[in-house]
């Protein structure tokens, strides 16, 4: 394996004002996350708006997801070559302009095209925002800053579907225009406040690595998004799986040979980074399975409207906010491992509870367990991210952020695809039983999905325990590469 040249670290001599920097990062991240989920409940409405069919308007989501997944791997190189500030301003400006273009779309085809462009810029915002926290904020305040940043993603994903559903009843153009003022403010504050960070003029783009990463991401995201329709016996399913896996294998070989790798795979030799990342990916499996299937359960079996479902999740969002901020405050005192163990245990117990819900389960009980579950999520997820990023040398922060967000996106798509495929397979099985009603089969299939999720989430606890054995007080409080 060739020796990879290391770009010298150039940390800031002094750090800019904490809250203005955090405000720019928060607003930019919120604008990006809002558009990730803004059409989740609005897609059916566009069928009537443009007088088309579901498989056409579905590309407003599919195209966006593919574009955002493809662009993430290149963000590490882009941050090294152009700097975080410049790339952040470009991403925010791109999201704002593409939102205006979406609002100006004159047919469904142009809206799909503008959504794909929007997906490219939204895919850049998260890794850039995460890297900015560790490049522009003092190490002693990074854990708290990360909790504030995490809240921006929570806020965007929480209010996005409900807000867009409401705006569609008023004027569908507002779904896209609502974040334009937010984007403008984020861009202006970022331009004035964010410092110019170091740039590596020697950074070169590994075109072969980019080709393999793009093809692998595209094939696997298409596979996981359509797994429930194609089924495991489809030749298309196995072709996508083998093709995507082969592209990723070629990407790894190319990266290890390259003098200028697209992503620094040497990060995977860092035990703290790998363990924290693994725990985060495992817990996100349980997180997304419940977030996706519980609204379907409430709508199908209890007849709740999208607005009513959003209100059911509202107290849980408040608890997630409180727990996220608390984990940032307790990070230095308690350490990430204990917070991850406590949060993972809560996430396992509450996910397992949902494997036993039924049509008669009260809304109050669902709201209580959702709130408790989000406390566990808030306690675990932010420390896992901070433990990963704080173990990375300064010059590799962009690569670490890109890898973390890239793997999360692919893994979350995989989790959703597996759960959806399992749900339909179990529906067919339960409905084949003599005398079993559709409602009973639906409930039992949801139980199977949540049971699988709880078993997988349980694996995060021993990983967090192993992480705790490897961490020392110095590694918790002083990120590697923060001092030069």
Protein backbone atom coordinates (compact mmCIF):
# COMPACT_ATOMS: atom_id res chain seq x y z
CA UNK A 1 0.00 0.00 0.00
CA UNK A 2 1.39 3.41 -0.91
CA UNK A 3 2.12 5.87 1.84
CA UNK A 4 -0.48 8.65 1.80
CA UNK A 5 0.92 12.19 2.07
CA UNK A 6 -0.51 14.07 5.03
CA UNK A 7 -1.60 17.66 4.68
CA UNK A 8 -0.21 19.70 7.58
CA UNK A 9 -2.76 20.76 10.13
CA UNK A 10 -3.33 24.49 10.51
CA UNK A 11 -5.71 25.04 13.41
CA UNK A 12 -7.03 28.51 13.99
CA UNK A 13 -4.93 30.74 16.25
CA UNK A 14 -8.13 32.01 17.85
CA UNK A 15 -11.70 30.83 17.54
CA UNK A 16 -14.52 33.05 16.24
CA UNK A 17 -17.57 33.98 18.31
CA UNK A 18 -19.36 30.79 19.36
CA UNK A 19 -23.05 31.63 18.89
CA UNK A 20 -22.83 33.48 15.53
CA UNK A 21 -20.86 30.57 14.03
CA UNK A 22 -23.30 28.08 15.48
CA UNK A 23 -26.26 30.11 14.18
CA UNK A 24 -24.96 29.92 10.60
CA UNK A 25 -24.33 26.17 10.89
CA UNK A 26 -27.72 25.59 12.56
CA UNK A 27 -29.75 27.51 9.95
CA UNK A 28 -27.90 25.94 7.03
CA UNK A 29 -28.33 22.43 8.40
CA UNK A 30 -32.01 23.04 9.10
CA UNK A 31 -32.66 24.23 5.53
CA UNK A 32 -30.96 21.13 4.15
CA UNK A 33 -32.72 18.66 6.44
CA UNK A 34 -36.15 20.21 5.84
CA UNK A 35 -35.94 19.43 2.12
CA UNK A 36 -34.80 15.87 2.82
CA UNK A 37 -38.19 15.07 4.39
CA UNK A 38 -40.44 17.87 3.11
CA UNK A 39 -42.21 15.76 0.47
CA UNK A 40 -42.71 12.59 2.53
CA UNK A 41 -46.42 13.28 3.04
CA UNK A 42 -46.93 15.65 0.09
CA UNK A 43 -46.15 13.29 -2.80
CA UNK A 44 -49.79 12.12 -3.32
CA UNK A 45 -50.91 15.74 -3.70
CA UNK A 46 -48.58 16.31 -6.65
CA UNK A 47 -50.34 13.53 -8.56
CA UNK A 48 -53.39 15.79 -8.81
CA UNK A 49 -51.42 19.04 -9.15
CA UNK A 50 -49.62 17.84 -12.29
CA UNK A 51 -52.26 15.32 -13.40
CA UNK A 52 -49.78 12.44 -13.47
CA UNK A 53 -49.23 9.10 -11.70
CA UNK A 54 -47.45 7.93 -8.55
CA UNK A 55 -44.50 6.24 -10.24
CA UNK A 56 -43.67 9.56 -11.93
CA UNK A 57 -43.92 11.88 -8.91
CA UNK A 58 -42.07 9.29 -6.81
CA UNK A 59 -38.93 10.40 -8.63
CA UNK A 60 -39.17 13.69 -6.76
CA UNK A 61 -38.03 11.64 -3.75
CA UNK A 62 -35.95 8.98 -5.51
CA UNK A 63 -33.96 11.45 -7.63
CA UNK A 64 -33.29 13.66 -4.61
CA UNK A 65 -32.11 10.69 -2.51
CA UNK A 66 -29.81 9.35 -5.22
CA UNK A 67 -28.28 12.78 -5.86
CA UNK A 68 -27.62 13.47 -2.18
CA UNK A 69 -26.16 9.98 -1.68
CA UNK A 70 -23.84 10.27 -4.67
CA UNK A 71 -22.37 13.67 -3.74
CA UNK A 72 -21.43 12.85 -0.13
CA UNK A 73 -18.22 10.85 -0.86
CA UNK A 74 -16.69 13.76 -2.79
CA UNK A 75 -17.29 16.25 0.06
CA UNK A 76 -14.10 15.20 1.87
CA UNK A 77 -11.91 16.09 -1.11
CA UNK A 78 -13.92 19.27 -1.77
CA UNK A 79 -13.42 20.52 1.80
CA UNK A 80 -9.66 19.93 1.53
CA UNK A 81 -9.40 21.59 -1.87
CA UNK A 82 -11.72 24.57 -1.48
CA UNK A 83 -12.13 25.02 2.29
CA UNK A 84 -15.15 24.50 4.51
CA UNK A 85 -16.34 28.11 4.44
CA UNK A 86 -16.34 28.42 0.67
CA UNK A 87 -18.05 25.04 0.24
CA UNK A 88 -20.61 25.81 2.96
CA UNK A 89 -21.59 29.07 1.26
CA UNK A 90 -21.83 27.30 -2.09
CA UNK A 91 -24.06 24.56 -0.63
CA UNK A 92 -26.37 27.03 1.15
CA UNK A 93 -26.58 29.20 -1.96
CA UNK A 94 -27.29 26.12 -4.08
CA UNK A 95 -30.09 24.92 -1.80
CA UNK A 96 -31.67 28.39 -1.80
CA UNK A 97 -31.50 28.88 -5.58
CA UNK A 98 -32.70 25.32 -6.31
CA UNK A 99 -35.62 25.84 -3.91
CA UNK A 100 -36.67 28.89 -5.92
CA UNK A 101 -36.33 26.87 -9.13
CA UNK A 102 -38.53 24.11 -7.66
CA UNK A 103 -41.20 26.70 -6.88
CA UNK A 104 -41.00 27.96 -10.47
CA UNK A 105 -41.33 24.47 -12.01
CA UNK A 106 -43.95 24.41 -14.78
CA UNK A 107 -44.44 20.63 -15.00
CA UNK A 108 -43.54 17.47 -13.10
CA UNK A 109 -40.46 16.77 -15.25
CA UNK A 110 -38.85 20.13 -14.48
CA UNK A 111 -39.72 19.76 -10.79
CA UNK A 112 -37.99 16.37 -10.70
CA UNK A 113 -34.92 17.89 -12.41
CA UNK A 114 -34.75 20.78 -9.94
CA UNK A 115 -35.21 18.38 -7.01
CA UNK A 116 -32.20 16.37 -8.22
CA UNK A 117 -30.14 19.58 -8.27
CA UNK A 118 -31.45 20.40 -4.80
CA UNK A 119 -30.42 16.93 -3.61
CA UNK A 120 -26.81 17.52 -4.69
CA UNK A 121 -26.51 20.63 -2.52
CA UNK A 122 -28.47 19.17 0.42
CA UNK A 123 -26.14 16.16 0.39
CA UNK A 124 -23.17 18.50 0.91
CA UNK A 125 -24.60 20.48 3.83
CA UNK A 126 -24.52 17.80 6.54
CA UNK A 127 -20.87 16.68 6.18
CA UNK A 128 -19.70 20.28 5.76
CA UNK A 129 -21.67 21.47 8.81
CA UNK A 130 -20.28 18.66 10.94
CA UNK A 131 -16.70 19.38 9.85
CA UNK A 132 -17.18 23.11 10.51
CA UNK A 133 -18.00 22.40 14.16
CA UNK A 134 -14.61 20.74 14.65
CA UNK A 135 -12.68 23.28 12.58
CA UNK A 136 -14.12 26.55 13.93
CA UNK A 137 -15.30 25.86 17.51
CA UNK A 138 -13.08 25.44 20.54
CA UNK A 139 -12.63 21.77 21.55
CA UNK A 140 -14.09 22.40 25.01
CA UNK A 141 -17.39 23.52 23.45
CA UNK A 142 -17.59 21.07 20.56
CA UNK A 143 -19.77 18.53 22.40
CA UNK A 144 -22.39 21.17 23.22
CA UNK A 145 -22.14 22.63 19.70
CA UNK A 146 -22.76 19.16 18.29
CA UNK A 147 -25.93 18.82 20.38
CA UNK A 148 -27.20 22.17 19.02
CA UNK A 149 -26.37 21.06 15.48
CA UNK A 150 -28.14 17.75 16.09
CA UNK A 151 -31.21 19.70 17.17
CA UNK A 152 -31.27 21.42 13.76
CA UNK A 153 -31.59 18.03 12.07
CA UNK A 154 -34.27 17.00 14.59
CA UNK A 155 -36.20 20.22 13.98
CA UNK A 156 -35.99 19.84 10.20
CA UNK A 157 -37.11 16.21 10.17
CA UNK A 158 -39.82 16.80 12.79
CA UNK A 159 -41.64 19.79 11.36
CA UNK A 160 -40.79 19.18 7.70
CA UNK A 161 -43.54 16.69 6.77
CA UNK A 162 -46.26 18.41 8.83
CA UNK A 163 -45.36 21.90 7.61
CA UNK A 164 -45.16 20.87 3.96
CA UNK A 165 -48.46 19.02 4.24
CA UNK A 166 -50.09 22.20 5.55
CA UNK A 167 -48.42 24.45 2.97
CA UNK A 168 -49.61 22.22 0.15
CA UNK A 169 -53.20 22.93 1.15
CA UNK A 170 -52.43 26.67 0.90
CA UNK A 171 -50.08 26.84 -2.11
CA UNK A 172 -47.65 24.08 -3.10
CA UNK A 173 -44.99 26.62 -4.14
CA UNK A 174 -44.58 27.58 -0.48
CA UNK A 175 -43.24 24.09 0.32
CA UNK A 176 -40.00 25.13 -1.40
CA UNK A 177 -40.03 28.89 -0.77
CA UNK A 178 -40.37 28.60 3.01
CA UNK A 179 -36.63 27.96 3.50
CA UNK A 180 -35.44 30.74 1.17
CA UNK A 181 -35.28 33.40 3.94
CA UNK A 182 -33.53 30.87 6.20
CA UNK A 183 -30.97 30.15 3.50
CA UNK A 184 -30.33 33.83 2.84
CA UNK A 185 -29.74 34.56 6.54
CA UNK A 186 -27.47 31.50 6.90
CA UNK A 187 -25.44 32.57 3.85
CA UNK A 188 -25.00 36.19 5.05
CA UNK A 189 -24.07 35.18 8.61
CA UNK A 190 -21.71 32.51 7.31
CA UNK A 191 -20.04 34.94 4.90
CA UNK A 192 -19.46 37.52 7.63
CA UNK A 193 -18.65 35.28 10.62
CA UNK A 194 -17.05 32.04 9.41
CA UNK A 195 -13.24 32.23 9.22
CA UNK A 196 -11.27 31.21 6.17
CA UNK A 197 -9.88 27.77 6.93
CA UNK A 198 -6.81 26.12 5.48
CA UNK A 199 -6.89 24.82 1.92
CA UNK A 200 -4.70 22.09 0.43
CA UNK A 201 -3.70 23.11 -3.08
CA UNK A 202 -2.07 19.68 -3.43
CA UNK A 203 -5.41 17.88 -3.05
CA UNK A 204 -6.37 16.00 -6.19
CA UNK A 205 -9.59 14.26 -7.08
CA UNK A 206 -9.36 10.49 -7.40
CA UNK A 207 -11.59 10.09 -10.45
CA UNK A 208 -11.50 6.30 -10.40
CA UNK A 209 -12.43 6.23 -6.73
CA UNK A 210 -15.24 8.71 -7.38
CA UNK A 211 -16.54 6.57 -10.26
CA UNK A 212 -16.60 3.40 -8.15
CA UNK A 213 -18.14 5.18 -5.11
CA UNK A 214 -20.80 6.85 -7.25
CA UNK A 215 -21.73 3.65 -9.06
CA UNK A 216 -21.80 1.63 -5.83
CA UNK A 217 -23.96 4.20 -4.04
CA UNK A 218 -26.32 4.48 -6.99
CA UNK A 219 -26.81 0.72 -7.32
CA UNK A 220 -27.29 0.06 -3.60
CA UNK A 221 -29.62 3.02 -3.03
CA UNK A 222 -31.75 1.88 -5.97
CA UNK A 223 -31.72 -1.67 -4.58
CA UNK A 224 -32.76 -0.71 -1.04
CA UNK A 225 -35.38 1.72 -2.32
CA UNK A 226 -37.03 -0.95 -4.49
CA UNK A 227 -36.31 -4.14 -2.54
CA UNK A 228 -39.89 -4.49 -1.32
CA UNK A 229 -41.20 -4.30 -4.92
CA UNK A 230 -38.60 -6.50 -6.60
CA UNK A 231 -38.32 -9.16 -3.89
CA UNK A 232 -35.36 -11.38 -3.06
CA UNK A 233 -36.04 -13.76 -5.92
CA UNK A 234 -35.71 -11.06 -8.58
CA UNK A 235 -32.69 -11.13 -10.91
CA UNK A 236 -32.69 -7.32 -10.73
CA UNK A 237 -32.25 -7.45 -6.94
CA UNK A 238 -29.23 -9.73 -7.13
CA UNK A 239 -27.75 -7.84 -10.06
CA UNK A 240 -27.92 -4.58 -8.10
CA UNK A 241 -26.55 -6.23 -4.96
CA UNK A 242 -23.60 -7.88 -6.72
CA UNK A 243 -22.90 -4.81 -8.86
CA UNK A 244 -23.00 -2.42 -5.90
CA UNK A 245 -20.86 -4.68 -3.72
CA UNK A 246 -18.36 -5.11 -6.56
CA UNK A 247 -18.11 -1.33 -7.03
CA UNK A 248 -17.47 -0.83 -3.32
CA UNK A 249 -14.79 -3.53 -3.36
CA UNK A 250 -13.14 -1.80 -6.34
CA UNK A 251 -13.43 1.53 -4.50
CA UNK A 252 -11.57 0.11 -1.49
CA UNK A 253 -8.78 -1.31 -3.67
CA UNK A 254 -8.46 1.97 -5.61
CA UNK A 255 -8.45 4.04 -2.41
CA UNK A 256 -5.68 1.98 -0.82
CA UNK A 257 -3.56 2.35 -3.96
CA UNK A 258 -4.14 6.06 -4.51
CA UNK A 259 -1.76 8.81 -3.38
CA UNK A 260 -4.80 11.12 -3.12
CA UNK A 261 -7.70 8.90 -1.97
CA UNK A 262 -11.26 10.15 -2.23
CA UNK A 263 -11.78 9.13 1.42
CA UNK A 264 -9.12 8.28 3.99
CA UNK A 265 -9.84 4.64 4.72
CA UNK A 266 -6.97 4.72 7.22
CA UNK A 267 -9.58 6.20 9.56
CA UNK A 268 -10.91 2.66 9.91
CA UNK A 269 -7.72 1.71 11.75
CA UNK A 270 -8.83 4.08 14.53
CA UNK A 271 -10.67 1.86 17.04
CA UNK A 272 -12.52 4.74 18.71
CA UNK A 273 -13.78 6.03 15.36
CA UNK A 274 -14.89 2.58 14.19
CA UNK A 275 -16.63 1.56 17.43
CA UNK A 276 -18.48 4.87 17.74
CA UNK A 277 -19.51 4.74 14.10
CA UNK A 278 -20.69 1.12 14.40
CA UNK A 279 -22.82 1.90 17.46
CA UNK A 280 -24.32 4.92 15.68
CA UNK A 281 -25.22 2.93 12.55
CA UNK A 282 -26.78 0.11 14.58
CA UNK A 283 -28.90 2.46 16.69
CA UNK A 284 -30.07 4.33 13.59
CA UNK A 285 -31.54 1.03 12.33
CA UNK A 286 -34.00 0.97 15.21
CA UNK A 287 -34.55 4.70 14.99
CA UNK A 288 -35.61 4.77 11.35
CA UNK A 289 -37.68 1.60 11.45
CA UNK A 290 -40.01 3.04 14.10
CA UNK A 291 -40.07 6.53 12.58
CA UNK A 292 -41.16 5.02 9.25
CA UNK A 293 -43.58 2.27 10.30
CA UNK A 294 -45.31 3.84 13.30
CA UNK A 295 -46.96 6.66 11.26
CA UNK A 296 -48.19 4.01 8.80
CA UNK A 297 -49.58 2.01 11.73
CA UNK A 298 -51.37 5.07 13.15
CA UNK A 299 -52.86 5.98 9.78
CA UNK A 300 -53.85 2.45 8.75
CA UNK A 301 -55.23 1.04 11.99
CA UNK A 302 -56.20 4.09 14.02
CA UNK A 303 -57.25 6.41 11.20
CA UNK A 304 -55.07 9.38 12.15
CA UNK A 305 -54.50 12.16 9.63
CA UNK A 306 -50.94 13.31 8.79
CA UNK A 307 -51.45 16.38 10.99
CA UNK A 308 -52.70 14.27 13.92
CA UNK A 309 -49.76 11.90 13.48
CA UNK A 310 -47.40 14.86 13.57
CA UNK A 311 -48.96 15.97 16.85
CA UNK A 312 -48.45 12.47 18.31
CA UNK A 313 -44.73 12.80 17.58
CA UNK A 314 -44.49 16.38 18.89
CA UNK A 315 -43.88 15.60 22.63
CA UNK A 316 -41.28 13.03 21.58
CA UNK A 317 -39.52 15.71 19.53
CA UNK A 318 -39.41 17.91 22.63
CA UNK A 319 -37.89 15.09 24.68
CA UNK A 320 -35.34 14.42 21.95
CA UNK A 321 -34.34 18.08 22.02
CA UNK A 322 -33.88 18.07 25.81
CA UNK A 323 -31.94 14.79 25.80
CA UNK A 324 -29.72 15.97 22.93
CA UNK A 325 -28.77 19.15 24.78
CA UNK A 326 -28.30 17.21 28.02
CA UNK A 327 -25.91 14.75 26.36
CA UNK A 328 -23.85 17.69 25.13
CA UNK A 329 -23.67 19.12 28.65
CA UNK A 330 -22.83 15.77 30.28
CA UNK A 331 -20.35 14.59 27.66
CA UNK A 332 -17.18 15.73 29.46
CA UNK A 333 -18.41 14.71 32.91
CA UNK A 334 -19.86 11.30 32.10
CA UNK A 335 -18.08 10.32 28.90
CA UNK A 336 -19.57 9.05 25.62
CA UNK A 337 -19.55 5.34 26.49
CA UNK A 338 -21.86 5.63 29.52
CA UNK A 339 -24.24 7.93 27.65
CA UNK A 340 -24.31 5.53 24.69
CA UNK A 341 -24.92 2.52 26.97
CA UNK A 342 -27.78 4.27 28.77
CA UNK A 343 -29.32 5.60 25.55
CA UNK A 344 -28.88 2.28 23.72
CA UNK A 345 -30.56 0.38 26.56
CA UNK A 346 -33.54 2.77 26.53
CA UNK A 347 -33.74 2.54 22.74
CA UNK A 348 -33.77 -1.27 22.91
CA UNK A 349 -36.47 -1.44 25.63
CA UNK A 350 -38.77 1.03 23.90
CA UNK A 351 -38.31 -0.51 20.45
CA UNK A 352 -39.14 -3.90 21.94
CA UNK A 353 -42.29 -2.38 23.49
CA UNK A 354 -43.51 -1.34 20.03
CA UNK A 355 -43.22 -4.97 18.91
CA UNK A 356 -46.33 -5.59 21.02
CA UNK A 357 -48.61 -2.67 20.11
CA UNK A 358 -52.01 -3.34 18.58
CA UNK A 359 -55.01 -1.46 17.23
CA UNK A 360 -56.35 -0.92 20.74
CA UNK A 361 -53.15 0.63 22.14
CA UNK A 362 -53.99 4.10 23.41
CA UNK A 363 -52.53 7.22 21.83
CA UNK A 364 -51.34 8.32 25.28
CA UNK A 365 -49.30 5.12 25.69
CA UNK A 366 -47.77 5.52 22.23
CA UNK A 367 -46.87 9.15 22.97
CA UNK A 368 -45.28 8.17 26.31
CA UNK A 369 -43.12 5.39 24.84
CA UNK A 370 -42.15 7.55 21.88
CA UNK A 371 -41.04 10.29 24.26
CA UNK A 372 -39.06 7.81 26.37
CA UNK A 373 -37.53 6.33 23.24
CA UNK A 374 -36.40 9.73 22.01
CA UNK A 375 -34.71 10.38 25.35
CA UNK A 376 -32.59 7.31 24.68
CA UNK A 377 -31.92 8.47 21.12
CA UNK A 378 -30.81 11.91 22.29
CA UNK A 379 -28.54 10.47 24.97
CA UNK A 380 -26.82 8.05 22.58
CA UNK A 381 -26.58 9.47 19.07
CA UNK A 382 -24.82 12.80 19.70
CA UNK A 383 -22.10 11.29 21.95
CA UNK A 384 -21.51 8.59 19.34
CA UNK A 385 -20.93 11.22 16.66
CA UNK A 386 -18.70 13.32 18.91
CA UNK A 387 -16.66 10.29 20.00
CA UNK A 388 -16.05 9.49 16.32
CA UNK A 389 -15.10 13.00 15.23
CA UNK A 390 -13.05 13.91 18.31
CA UNK A 391 -10.69 10.98 17.66
CA UNK A 392 -9.75 12.21 14.18
CA UNK A 393 -6.66 14.33 13.35
CA UNK A 394 -7.42 17.88 12.25
CA UNK A 395 -6.35 17.34 8.64
CA UNK A 396 -8.77 14.41 8.21
CA UNK A 397 -11.90 16.01 9.66
CA UNK A 398 -13.45 16.54 6.24
CA UNK A 399 -12.84 12.92 5.27
CA UNK A 400 -14.23 11.66 8.59
CA UNK A 401 -17.38 13.75 8.25
CA UNK A 402 -17.87 12.62 4.64
CA UNK A 403 -17.37 8.95 5.54
CA UNK A 404 -19.70 9.15 8.54
CA UNK A 405 -22.52 10.80 6.57
CA UNK A 406 -22.01 8.56 3.54
CA UNK A 407 -22.17 5.33 5.53
CA UNK A 408 -25.17 6.57 7.50
CA UNK A 409 -27.07 7.39 4.33
CA UNK A 410 -26.37 4.01 2.73
CA UNK A 411 -27.01 2.14 5.99
CA UNK A 412 -30.28 3.96 6.67
CA UNK A 413 -31.48 3.18 3.15
CA UNK A 414 -30.48 -0.45 3.70
CA UNK A 415 -32.32 -0.57 7.04
CA UNK A 416 -35.49 0.87 5.52
CA UNK A 417 -35.29 -1.50 2.54
CA UNK A 418 -34.80 -4.57 4.74
CA UNK A 419 -37.62 -3.58 7.11
CA UNK A 420 -40.02 -2.84 4.26
CA UNK A 421 -39.16 -6.10 2.52
CA UNK A 422 -39.62 -8.00 5.79
CA UNK A 423 -42.97 -6.30 6.39
CA UNK A 424 -44.43 -7.34 3.03
CA UNK A 425 -42.99 -10.85 3.29
CA UNK A 426 -44.55 -11.30 6.72
CA UNK A 427 -47.84 -9.79 5.49
CA UNK A 428 -48.03 -12.48 2.81
CA UNK A 429 -47.21 -15.13 5.39
CA UNK A 430 -49.76 -13.98 7.96
CA UNK A 431 -52.50 -13.43 5.38
CA UNK A 432 -51.98 -16.98 4.12
CA UNK A 433 -53.11 -18.27 7.50
CA UNK A 434 -56.68 -19.47 7.51
CA UNK A 435 -59.15 -16.98 8.91
CA UNK A 436 -56.62 -14.21 9.64
CA UNK A 437 -57.93 -10.74 8.82
CA UNK A 438 -56.00 -8.00 7.05
CA UNK A 439 -55.85 -5.95 10.26
CA UNK A 440 -54.45 -8.85 12.27
CA UNK A 441 -51.87 -9.64 9.58
CA UNK A 442 -50.87 -5.96 9.44
CA UNK A 443 -50.35 -5.76 13.21
CA UNK A 444 -48.34 -8.98 13.34
CA UNK A 445 -46.14 -7.84 10.45
CA UNK A 446 -45.40 -4.57 12.24
CA UNK A 447 -44.55 -6.61 15.34
CA UNK A 448 -42.03 -8.64 13.33
CA UNK A 449 -40.32 -5.49 12.02
CA UNK A 450 -40.03 -3.91 15.47
CA UNK A 451 -38.81 -7.18 16.99
CA UNK A 452 -36.01 -7.41 14.44
CA UNK A 453 -35.14 -3.77 15.06
CA UNK A 454 -34.96 -4.27 18.83
CA UNK A 455 -32.64 -7.27 18.43
CA UNK A 456 -30.31 -5.27 16.17
CA UNK A 457 -30.37 -2.22 18.48
CA UNK A 458 -29.37 -4.44 21.43
CA UNK A 459 -26.03 -5.06 19.68
CA UNK A 460 -25.09 -1.39 20.17
CA UNK A 461 -24.83 -1.77 23.96
CA UNK A 462 -21.88 -4.23 24.03
CA UNK A 463 -20.14 -2.12 21.36
CA UNK A 464 -20.51 0.94 23.61
CA UNK A 465 -19.11 -1.08 26.52
CA UNK A 466 -16.10 -2.05 24.41
CA UNK A 467 -15.65 1.61 23.48
CA UNK A 468 -15.66 2.54 27.16
CA UNK A 469 -12.74 0.19 27.81
CA UNK A 470 -10.69 1.87 25.10
CA UNK A 471 -11.37 5.46 26.09
CA UNK A 472 -9.23 7.39 28.57
CA UNK A 473 -10.00 10.69 30.22
CA UNK A 474 -7.48 12.41 27.98
CA UNK A 475 -8.98 11.06 24.76
CA UNK A 476 -12.46 12.21 25.85
CA UNK A 477 -11.46 15.77 26.68
CA UNK A 478 -8.71 16.48 24.14
CA UNK A 479 -9.46 15.58 20.51
CA UNK A 480 -6.46 14.30 18.60
CA UNK A 481 -5.05 16.97 16.37
CA UNK A 482 -6.75 19.82 18.24
CA UNK A 483 -3.38 21.01 19.46
CA UNK A 484 -0.43 21.46 17.14
